[in-house]
């Protein structure tokens, strides 16, 4: 925290007033990064691409969060879940998003898939996920 407040050129007490704990700072950074995913639905493939783009641009940050501390992994997954739910992904094959249980399961599955990519980028690539999601979850012919 000392290094961060020095780099920001602010007093540590000022820093702590805004972010009482390191987790608060990380949470805010993740919220800001995930808010880059647009709120305007343009079809599921476009929406999924937006999620990929934000994660790819911030890959090292998200990878650090997921791999270093379990609390951060949960935080990232919760924030990503909220963001995906907020933009309202649609067109999942055979999924009734009007059913709270089905919607919850599909959104959590999408979060798990993205988390698996971030945690295992040498095994799972972005392209692997795109192919997998299109093949198994989306109503697309591609």
Protein backbone atom coordinates (compact mmCIF):
# COMPACT_ATOMS: atom_id res chain seq x y z
CA UNK A 1 0.00 0.00 0.00
CA UNK A 2 2.93 2.28 0.72
CA UNK A 3 4.31 1.81 -2.81
CA UNK A 4 0.90 2.49 -4.33
CA UNK A 5 0.29 5.66 -2.32
CA UNK A 6 3.82 6.89 -3.11
CA UNK A 7 3.30 6.23 -6.82
CA UNK A 8 -0.05 8.07 -6.66
CA UNK A 9 1.67 10.86 -4.72
CA UNK A 10 -0.90 10.83 -1.97
CA UNK A 11 -0.70 10.39 1.76
CA UNK A 12 -1.30 6.81 2.94
CA UNK A 13 -4.13 7.93 5.21
CA UNK A 14 -5.86 9.52 2.20
CA UNK A 15 -5.41 6.31 0.29
CA UNK A 16 -6.87 4.25 3.14
CA UNK A 17 -9.85 6.60 3.36
CA UNK A 18 -10.80 5.56 -0.18
CA UNK A 19 -9.60 1.96 -0.01
CA UNK A 20 -9.54 0.61 3.56
CA UNK A 21 -8.04 -2.69 2.39
CA UNK A 22 -6.06 -4.00 -0.56
CA UNK A 23 -9.09 -6.06 -1.61
CA UNK A 24 -11.12 -2.85 -1.92
CA UNK A 25 -8.58 -1.42 -4.35
CA UNK A 26 -8.46 -4.62 -6.43
CA UNK A 27 -12.26 -4.78 -6.42
CA UNK A 28 -12.52 -1.26 -7.77
CA UNK A 29 -9.94 -1.93 -10.50
CA UNK A 30 -11.85 -5.04 -11.59
CA UNK A 31 -15.18 -3.17 -11.53
CA UNK A 32 -13.75 -0.42 -13.73
CA UNK A 33 -12.23 -2.89 -16.20
CA UNK A 34 -15.43 -4.96 -16.46
CA UNK A 35 -17.54 -1.84 -16.89
CA UNK A 36 -15.78 -1.44 -20.25
CA UNK A 37 -18.14 -4.15 -21.50
CA UNK A 38 -20.88 -2.17 -23.21
CA UNK A 39 -24.43 -2.12 -21.86
CA UNK A 40 -26.04 -2.16 -25.29
CA UNK A 41 -26.92 -5.67 -26.44
CA UNK A 42 -25.98 -6.32 -30.08
CA UNK A 43 -26.37 -10.08 -30.27
CA UNK A 44 -24.64 -12.71 -28.23
CA UNK A 45 -21.62 -13.17 -30.49
CA UNK A 46 -20.84 -9.43 -30.34
CA UNK A 47 -21.41 -9.39 -26.59
CA UNK A 48 -19.15 -12.40 -26.05
CA UNK A 49 -16.49 -10.73 -28.21
CA UNK A 50 -16.69 -7.63 -26.00
CA UNK A 51 -16.08 -9.80 -22.94
CA UNK A 52 -13.12 -11.48 -24.66
CA UNK A 53 -11.69 -8.10 -25.65
CA UNK A 54 -11.86 -6.67 -22.12
CA UNK A 55 -10.35 -9.80 -20.61
CA UNK A 56 -7.65 -10.01 -23.28
CA UNK A 57 -6.60 -6.36 -22.85
CA UNK A 58 -6.42 -6.86 -19.06
CA UNK A 59 -5.30 -10.49 -19.15
CA UNK A 60 -2.31 -10.17 -16.81
CA UNK A 61 -4.38 -8.29 -14.23
CA UNK A 62 -7.18 -10.87 -14.25
CA UNK A 63 -4.69 -13.74 -14.28
CA UNK A 64 -2.94 -12.29 -11.24
CA UNK A 65 -6.26 -11.92 -9.44
CA UNK A 66 -7.39 -15.45 -10.22
CA UNK A 67 -4.09 -17.15 -9.47
CA UNK A 68 -2.86 -15.30 -6.40
CA UNK A 69 -5.64 -15.06 -3.85
CA UNK A 70 -8.85 -17.06 -3.60
CA UNK A 71 -10.81 -14.00 -2.46
CA UNK A 72 -9.88 -12.20 -5.66
CA UNK A 73 -10.96 -15.14 -7.78
CA UNK A 74 -14.37 -15.05 -6.15
CA UNK A 75 -14.54 -11.27 -6.55
CA UNK A 76 -13.63 -11.44 -10.24
CA UNK A 77 -16.14 -14.20 -10.89
CA UNK A 78 -18.92 -12.36 -9.04
CA UNK A 79 -18.26 -9.11 -10.90
CA UNK A 80 -18.05 -10.87 -14.27
CA UNK A 81 -21.27 -12.75 -13.48
CA UNK A 82 -23.05 -9.48 -12.63
CA UNK A 83 -21.76 -7.84 -15.80
CA UNK A 84 -22.79 -10.74 -18.05
CA UNK A 85 -26.21 -10.84 -16.42
CA UNK A 86 -26.54 -7.06 -16.80
CA UNK A 87 -25.84 -7.04 -20.53
CA UNK A 88 -28.35 -9.87 -20.86
CA UNK A 89 -26.73 -12.49 -23.03
CA UNK A 90 -29.42 -14.19 -25.10
CA UNK A 91 -29.74 -16.97 -27.66
CA UNK A 92 -28.29 -19.78 -25.61
CA UNK A 93 -29.26 -23.07 -27.19
CA UNK A 94 -32.17 -24.68 -25.32
CA UNK A 95 -31.86 -22.34 -22.33
CA UNK A 96 -34.90 -20.52 -20.98
CA UNK A 97 -33.45 -17.30 -19.60
CA UNK A 98 -36.87 -16.52 -18.13
CA UNK A 99 -36.23 -19.36 -15.68
CA UNK A 100 -34.12 -17.96 -12.83
CA UNK A 101 -32.43 -21.33 -12.26
CA UNK A 102 -31.53 -21.85 -15.93
CA UNK A 103 -30.31 -18.27 -16.31
CA UNK A 104 -28.19 -18.55 -13.16
CA UNK A 105 -26.65 -21.82 -14.35
CA UNK A 106 -25.80 -20.58 -17.85
CA UNK A 107 -24.29 -17.32 -16.59
CA UNK A 108 -22.22 -19.17 -14.00
CA UNK A 109 -21.10 -21.63 -16.70
CA UNK A 110 -19.94 -18.76 -18.91
CA UNK A 111 -17.99 -17.29 -15.98
CA UNK A 112 -16.38 -20.67 -15.29
CA UNK A 113 -15.35 -21.00 -18.93
CA UNK A 114 -13.71 -17.56 -18.92
CA UNK A 115 -12.00 -18.33 -15.60
CA UNK A 116 -10.64 -21.61 -16.99
CA UNK A 117 -9.07 -19.71 -19.91
CA UNK A 118 -7.44 -17.13 -17.64
CA UNK A 119 -6.12 -19.77 -15.22
CA UNK A 120 -4.81 -22.11 -17.96
CA UNK A 121 -3.82 -20.02 -21.00
CA UNK A 122 -1.19 -22.54 -22.10
CA UNK A 123 -3.86 -25.25 -22.30
CA UNK A 124 -6.98 -23.26 -23.22
CA UNK A 125 -6.82 -20.52 -25.82
CA UNK A 126 -9.29 -17.77 -26.62
CA UNK A 127 -10.06 -19.55 -29.89
CA UNK A 128 -10.77 -22.80 -28.01
CA UNK A 129 -13.39 -21.05 -25.94
CA UNK A 130 -15.00 -19.34 -28.93
CA UNK A 131 -15.33 -22.66 -30.76
CA UNK A 132 -16.56 -24.47 -27.63
CA UNK A 133 -19.18 -21.84 -26.74
CA UNK A 134 -20.47 -21.59 -30.30
CA UNK A 135 -20.65 -25.36 -30.65
CA UNK A 136 -22.29 -26.19 -27.32
CA UNK A 137 -24.16 -23.11 -26.14
CA UNK A 138 -25.08 -20.71 -28.89
CA UNK A 139 -27.75 -20.78 -31.54
CA UNK A 140 -25.26 -20.09 -34.33
CA UNK A 141 -24.38 -22.04 -37.43
CA UNK A 142 -20.70 -21.02 -37.34
